[in-house]
Structure formats: C-alpha cells, structure tokens
Amino acid sequence: MILNQKNKYLELWGDLVGIKDLLQAILLSGGLTMVGYFVAPSGDTTRQLFYGLGGAVSAMVINTVMIKPKRDLKKNNTQEVE
C-alpha cells in the first residue's frame, strides 16, 4: 500500500484508488451488510446470511453507480505494417 500524488490516491494491487472513494465503498458495504443481517429474523441463521448477502450486493450496485473511474483511456489506432 503506497500513497501517491500528494496523498490523494492509494496503490492497491497495482492500481490507484482514491482514498475518499475507498472509504465510502467500505463504509457503505459494511453498513448495508450489517443492516441486512440485523433486519433478518434473529432465530433463523440462514435468512441472516442471505439478508446480509443481499445487503452486500445492493451496496455493490450502489457503489458502482456512485463511484466512477477517474482515468481516461485513449485508444491508439495505429498499426505496424511489415
């Protein structure tokens, strides 16, 4: 884990991630997973598992909508002819 570009990005697994976006995704994912777990009936562990997974999946969908990639990819259309 390396801080880059004036402590604005973290390098995780060879990719740069914004600290704000990372914290937002972790908090939202953990929060919705726990909400799903605690909303389920307390005696039924199977439902607690699936409600928690439902919370995690819904957090993933929300995170992909809210957090957009920050980089621009430019396609180079030149081809080498031999």
C-alpha atoms as a PDB file:
ATOM      1  CA  MET A   1       0.000   0.000   0.000  1.00  0.00           C
ATOM      2  CA  ILE A   2       1.681   3.173  -1.240  1.00  0.00           C
ATOM      3  CA  LEU A   3       0.416   6.761  -1.062  1.00  0.00           C
ATOM      4  CA  ASN A   4       0.763   8.664  -4.343  1.00  0.00           C
ATOM      5  CA  GLN A   5       0.078  12.097  -5.847  1.00  0.00           C
ATOM      6  CA  LYS A   6       0.006  14.291  -2.760  1.00  0.00           C
ATOM      7  CA  ASN A   7      -1.670  11.601  -0.590  1.00  0.00           C
ATOM      8  CA  LYS A   8      -4.792  11.629  -2.762  1.00  0.00           C
ATOM      9  CA  TYR A   9      -4.530   8.036  -4.015  1.00  0.00           C
ATOM     10  CA  LEU A  10      -3.533   4.659  -2.593  1.00  0.00           C
ATOM     11  CA  GLU A  11      -1.874   1.987  -4.670  1.00  0.00           C
ATOM     12  CA  LEU A  12      -3.684  -1.300  -4.040  1.00  0.00           C
ATOM     13  CA  TRP A  13      -2.934  -4.426  -6.065  1.00  0.00           C
ATOM     14  CA  GLY A  14      -1.142  -2.399  -8.727  1.00  0.00           C
ATOM     15  CA  ASP A  15      -3.955   0.115  -9.248  1.00  0.00           C
ATOM     16  CA  LEU A  16      -4.533   3.620  -7.898  1.00  0.00           C
ATOM     17  CA  VAL A  17      -7.615   4.091  -5.715  1.00  0.00           C
ATOM     18  CA  GLY A  18      -8.950   7.359  -4.314  1.00  0.00           C
ATOM     19  CA  ILE A  19      -8.914   7.367  -0.502  1.00  0.00           C
ATOM     20  CA  LYS A  20     -12.322   9.066  -0.282  1.00  0.00           C
ATOM     21  CA  ASP A  21     -13.915   6.596  -2.698  1.00  0.00           C
ATOM     22  CA  LEU A  22     -12.333   3.626  -0.929  1.00  0.00           C
ATOM     23  CA  LEU A  23     -13.609   4.711   2.485  1.00  0.00           C
ATOM     24  CA  GLN A  24     -17.057   5.434   1.071  1.00  0.00           C
ATOM     25  CA  ALA A  25     -17.262   1.971  -0.513  1.00  0.00           C
ATOM     26  CA  ILE A  26     -16.047   0.183   2.637  1.00  0.00           C
ATOM     27  CA  LEU A  27     -18.454   2.038   4.942  1.00  0.00           C
ATOM     28  CA  LEU A  28     -21.440   1.605   2.635  1.00  0.00           C
ATOM     29  CA  SER A  29     -20.735  -2.084   2.041  1.00  0.00           C
ATOM     30  CA  GLY A  30     -20.205  -2.864   5.703  1.00  0.00           C
ATOM     31  CA  GLY A  31     -23.203  -0.811   6.769  1.00  0.00           C
ATOM     32  CA  LEU A  32     -25.689  -2.333   4.333  1.00  0.00           C
ATOM     33  CA  THR A  33     -24.400  -5.836   5.054  1.00  0.00           C
ATOM     34  CA  MET A  34     -24.962  -5.332   8.782  1.00  0.00           C
ATOM     35  CA  VAL A  35     -28.395  -3.770   8.201  1.00  0.00           C
ATOM     36  CA  GLY A  36     -29.396  -6.786   6.120  1.00  0.00           C
ATOM     37  CA  TYR A  37     -28.118  -9.131   8.812  1.00  0.00           C
ATOM     38  CA  PHE A  38     -29.973  -7.389  11.647  1.00  0.00           C
ATOM     39  CA  VAL A  39     -33.222  -6.979   9.675  1.00  0.00           C
ATOM     40  CA  ALA A  40     -33.484 -10.774   9.258  1.00  0.00           C
ATOM     41  CA  PRO A  41     -35.339 -12.806  11.909  1.00  0.00           C
ATOM     42  CA  SER A  42     -32.991 -13.404  14.846  1.00  0.00           C
ATOM     43  CA  GLY A  43     -33.542 -17.158  15.159  1.00  0.00           C
ATOM     44  CA  ASP A  44     -33.037 -18.036  11.505  1.00  0.00           C
ATOM     45  CA  THR A  45     -29.317 -18.047  10.671  1.00  0.00           C
ATOM     46  CA  THR A  46     -29.908 -18.970   7.031  1.00  0.00           C
ATOM     47  CA  ARG A  47     -32.047 -15.890   6.461  1.00  0.00           C
ATOM     48  CA  GLN A  48     -29.483 -13.761   8.295  1.00  0.00           C
ATOM     49  CA  LEU A  49     -26.855 -14.991   5.862  1.00  0.00           C
ATOM     50  CA  PHE A  50     -28.941 -14.291   2.775  1.00  0.00           C
ATOM     51  CA  TYR A  51     -30.176 -10.908   4.004  1.00  0.00           C
ATOM     52  CA  GLY A  52     -26.569  -9.939   4.726  1.00  0.00           C
ATOM     53  CA  LEU A  53     -25.533 -11.082   1.253  1.00  0.00           C
ATOM     54  CA  GLY A  54     -28.425  -9.102  -0.197  1.00  0.00           C
ATOM     55  CA  GLY A  55     -27.153  -6.024   1.627  1.00  0.00           C
ATOM     56  CA  ALA A  56     -23.659  -6.597   0.240  1.00  0.00           C
ATOM     57  CA  VAL A  57     -24.948  -6.998  -3.322  1.00  0.00           C
ATOM     58  CA  SER A  58     -27.098  -3.879  -3.046  1.00  0.00           C
ATOM     59  CA  ALA A  59     -24.065  -1.974  -1.705  1.00  0.00           C
ATOM     60  CA  MET A  60     -22.040  -3.186  -4.696  1.00  0.00           C
ATOM     61  CA  VAL A  61     -24.693  -1.857  -7.087  1.00  0.00           C
ATOM     62  CA  ILE A  62     -24.859   1.488  -5.274  1.00  0.00           C
ATOM     63  CA  ASN A  63     -21.051   1.763  -5.226  1.00  0.00           C
ATOM     64  CA  THR A  64     -20.763   1.102  -8.964  1.00  0.00           C
ATOM     65  CA  VAL A  65     -23.345   3.813  -9.675  1.00  0.00           C
ATOM     66  CA  MET A  66     -21.889   6.388  -7.261  1.00  0.00           C
ATOM     67  CA  ILE A  67     -18.142   5.870  -7.794  1.00  0.00           C
ATOM     68  CA  LYS A  68     -16.972   6.447 -11.348  1.00  0.00           C
ATOM     69  CA  PRO A  69     -13.480   5.735 -12.751  1.00  0.00           C
ATOM     70  CA  LYS A  70     -11.210   8.765 -12.736  1.00  0.00           C
ATOM     71  CA  ARG A  71      -8.923   7.853 -15.627  1.00  0.00           C
ATOM     72  CA  ASP A  72      -9.259   8.474 -19.327  1.00  0.00           C
ATOM     73  CA  LEU A  73      -8.250   5.722 -21.710  1.00  0.00           C
ATOM     74  CA  LYS A  74      -7.164   6.746 -25.174  1.00  0.00           C
ATOM     75  CA  LYS A  75      -7.211   4.214 -27.964  1.00  0.00           C
ATOM     76  CA  ASN A  76      -4.333   4.283 -30.403  1.00  0.00           C
ATOM     77  CA  ASN A  77      -5.441   3.129 -33.844  1.00  0.00           C
ATOM     78  CA  THR A  78      -2.015   2.917 -35.487  1.00  0.00           C
ATOM     79  CA  GLN A  79      -0.950  -0.433 -36.871  1.00  0.00           C
ATOM     80  CA  GLU A  80       2.507  -1.544 -37.861  1.00  0.00           C
ATOM     81  CA  VAL A  81       2.826  -2.979 -41.361  1.00  0.00           C
ATOM     82  CA  GLU A  82       5.775  -5.247 -42.111  1.00  0.00           C
END
